Amino acid sequence: MRLWPLCWVSKLCTEPLVAHQALRSMLPAEVDLRLRRKPISAVVDGDFVRGVAFRNFETGEIETVWADFVLDA
């Protein structure tokens, strides 16, 4: 959609909170969604990533998440 004279707006746009709520509603209950964290290191075993350490922005604590499968997108 064009907003005259200099702006363009995607046909797929929304408020961030609305998008968050929509995506959250699609996740199964057993998914542990952890927001406001930054990855700071990976725990590796040879060529395999076994876990990722995150810094929690709210508490400053470091949390390590262990997983059988780690996807870096």
C-alpha atoms as a PDB file:
ATOM      1  CA  MET A   1       0.000   0.000   0.000  1.00  0.00           C
ATOM      2  CA  ARG A   2       1.357   3.390  -0.883  1.00  0.00           C
ATOM      3  CA  LEU A   3       1.063   6.333   1.504  1.00  0.00           C
ATOM      4  CA  TRP A   4       1.379   9.438  -0.556  1.00  0.00           C
ATOM      5  CA  PRO A   5       3.908  10.723  -1.472  1.00  0.00           C
ATOM      6  CA  LEU A   6       7.025   8.967  -0.144  1.00  0.00           C
ATOM      7  CA  CYS A   7       6.091   5.979   2.011  1.00  0.00           C
ATOM      8  CA  TRP A   8       5.318   2.327   1.354  1.00  0.00           C
ATOM      9  CA  VAL A   9       3.712  -0.050   3.849  1.00  0.00           C
ATOM     10  CA  SER A  10       3.811  -3.814   3.439  1.00  0.00           C
ATOM     11  CA  LYS A  11       0.507  -5.638   3.054  1.00  0.00           C
ATOM     12  CA  LEU A  12       1.766  -7.883   5.844  1.00  0.00           C
ATOM     13  CA  CYS A  13       2.292  -5.578   8.807  1.00  0.00           C
ATOM     14  CA  THR A  14       1.029  -5.514  12.385  1.00  0.00           C
ATOM     15  CA  GLU A  15       1.780  -4.236  15.839  1.00  0.00           C
ATOM     16  CA  PRO A  16       4.623  -6.234  17.459  1.00  0.00           C
ATOM     17  CA  LEU A  17       2.472  -7.226  20.460  1.00  0.00           C
ATOM     18  CA  VAL A  18      -0.271  -8.571  18.182  1.00  0.00           C
ATOM     19  CA  ALA A  19       2.279 -10.603  16.194  1.00  0.00           C
ATOM     20  CA  HIS A  20       3.815 -11.950  19.418  1.00  0.00           C
ATOM     21  CA  GLN A  21       0.422 -13.023  20.748  1.00  0.00           C
ATOM     22  CA  ALA A  22      -0.532 -14.678  17.450  1.00  0.00           C
ATOM     23  CA  LEU A  23       2.734 -16.632  17.213  1.00  0.00           C
ATOM     24  CA  ARG A  24       2.614 -17.573  20.907  1.00  0.00           C
ATOM     25  CA  SER A  25      -0.907 -18.974  20.482  1.00  0.00           C
ATOM     26  CA  MET A  26       0.397 -21.338  17.778  1.00  0.00           C
ATOM     27  CA  LEU A  27       3.073 -22.902  20.018  1.00  0.00           C
ATOM     28  CA  PRO A  28       2.305 -26.067  21.963  1.00  0.00           C
ATOM     29  CA  ALA A  29       2.079 -25.643  25.752  1.00  0.00           C
ATOM     30  CA  GLU A  30       5.267 -27.651  26.364  1.00  0.00           C
ATOM     31  CA  VAL A  31       7.427 -25.134  24.459  1.00  0.00           C
ATOM     32  CA  ASP A  32       9.392 -23.029  26.965  1.00  0.00           C
ATOM     33  CA  LEU A  33       9.687 -19.615  25.338  1.00  0.00           C
ATOM     34  CA  ARG A  34      12.484 -17.552  26.885  1.00  0.00           C
ATOM     35  CA  LEU A  35      12.541 -13.917  25.855  1.00  0.00           C
ATOM     36  CA  ARG A  36      14.986 -11.087  26.587  1.00  0.00           C
ATOM     37  CA  ARG A  37      18.114 -13.249  26.391  1.00  0.00           C
ATOM     38  CA  LYS A  38      21.284 -13.040  24.343  1.00  0.00           C
ATOM     39  CA  PRO A  39      23.387 -16.077  23.374  1.00  0.00           C
ATOM     40  CA  ILE A  40      26.929 -15.662  24.688  1.00  0.00           C
ATOM     41  CA  SER A  41      28.565 -19.053  24.161  1.00  0.00           C
ATOM     42  CA  ALA A  42      27.999 -22.593  22.952  1.00  0.00           C
ATOM     43  CA  VAL A  43      28.871 -25.841  24.701  1.00  0.00           C
ATOM     44  CA  VAL A  44      30.408 -28.035  22.012  1.00  0.00           C
ATOM     45  CA  ASP A  45      31.512 -31.647  21.815  1.00  0.00           C
ATOM     46  CA  GLY A  46      33.627 -32.032  18.699  1.00  0.00           C
ATOM     47  CA  ASP A  47      31.439 -30.881  15.809  1.00  0.00           C
ATOM     48  CA  PHE A  48      28.232 -30.965  17.860  1.00  0.00           C
ATOM     49  CA  VAL A  49      26.583 -28.191  19.849  1.00  0.00           C
ATOM     50  CA  ARG A  50      25.212 -29.663  23.078  1.00  0.00           C
ATOM     51  CA  GLY A  51      23.969 -26.466  24.712  1.00  0.00           C
ATOM     52  CA  VAL A  52      23.905 -22.700  24.519  1.00  0.00           C
ATOM     53  CA  ALA A  53      24.580 -20.216  27.318  1.00  0.00           C
ATOM     54  CA  PHE A  54      22.382 -17.115  27.383  1.00  0.00           C
ATOM     55  CA  ARG A  55      22.572 -13.886  29.371  1.00  0.00           C
ATOM     56  CA  ASN A  56      19.229 -12.908  30.836  1.00  0.00           C
ATOM     57  CA  PHE A  57      18.763  -9.165  30.197  1.00  0.00           C
ATOM     58  CA  GLU A  58      16.460  -8.740  33.202  1.00  0.00           C
ATOM     59  CA  THR A  59      18.549 -10.495  35.883  1.00  0.00           C
ATOM     60  CA  GLY A  60      22.030 -10.511  34.332  1.00  0.00           C
ATOM     61  CA  GLU A  61      22.308 -14.220  35.121  1.00  0.00           C
ATOM     62  CA  ILE A  62      23.729 -16.747  32.680  1.00  0.00           C
ATOM     63  CA  GLU A  63      21.403 -19.632  31.796  1.00  0.00           C
ATOM     64  CA  THR A  64      22.525 -22.704  29.880  1.00  0.00           C
ATOM     65  CA  VAL A  65      19.988 -24.560  27.761  1.00  0.00           C
ATOM     66  CA  TRP A  66      20.855 -28.170  26.865  1.00  0.00           C
ATOM     67  CA  ALA A  67      19.289 -29.794  23.825  1.00  0.00           C
ATOM     68  CA  ASP A  68      19.542 -32.884  21.655  1.00  0.00           C
ATOM     69  CA  PHE A  69      19.125 -30.646  18.615  1.00  0.00           C
ATOM     70  CA  VAL A  70      20.301 -27.042  18.177  1.00  0.00           C
ATOM     71  CA  LEU A  71      19.262 -25.044  15.109  1.00  0.00           C
ATOM     72  CA  ASP A  72      21.056 -21.809  14.265  1.00  0.00           C
ATOM     73  CA  ALA A  73      18.861 -19.867  11.876  1.00  0.00           C
END
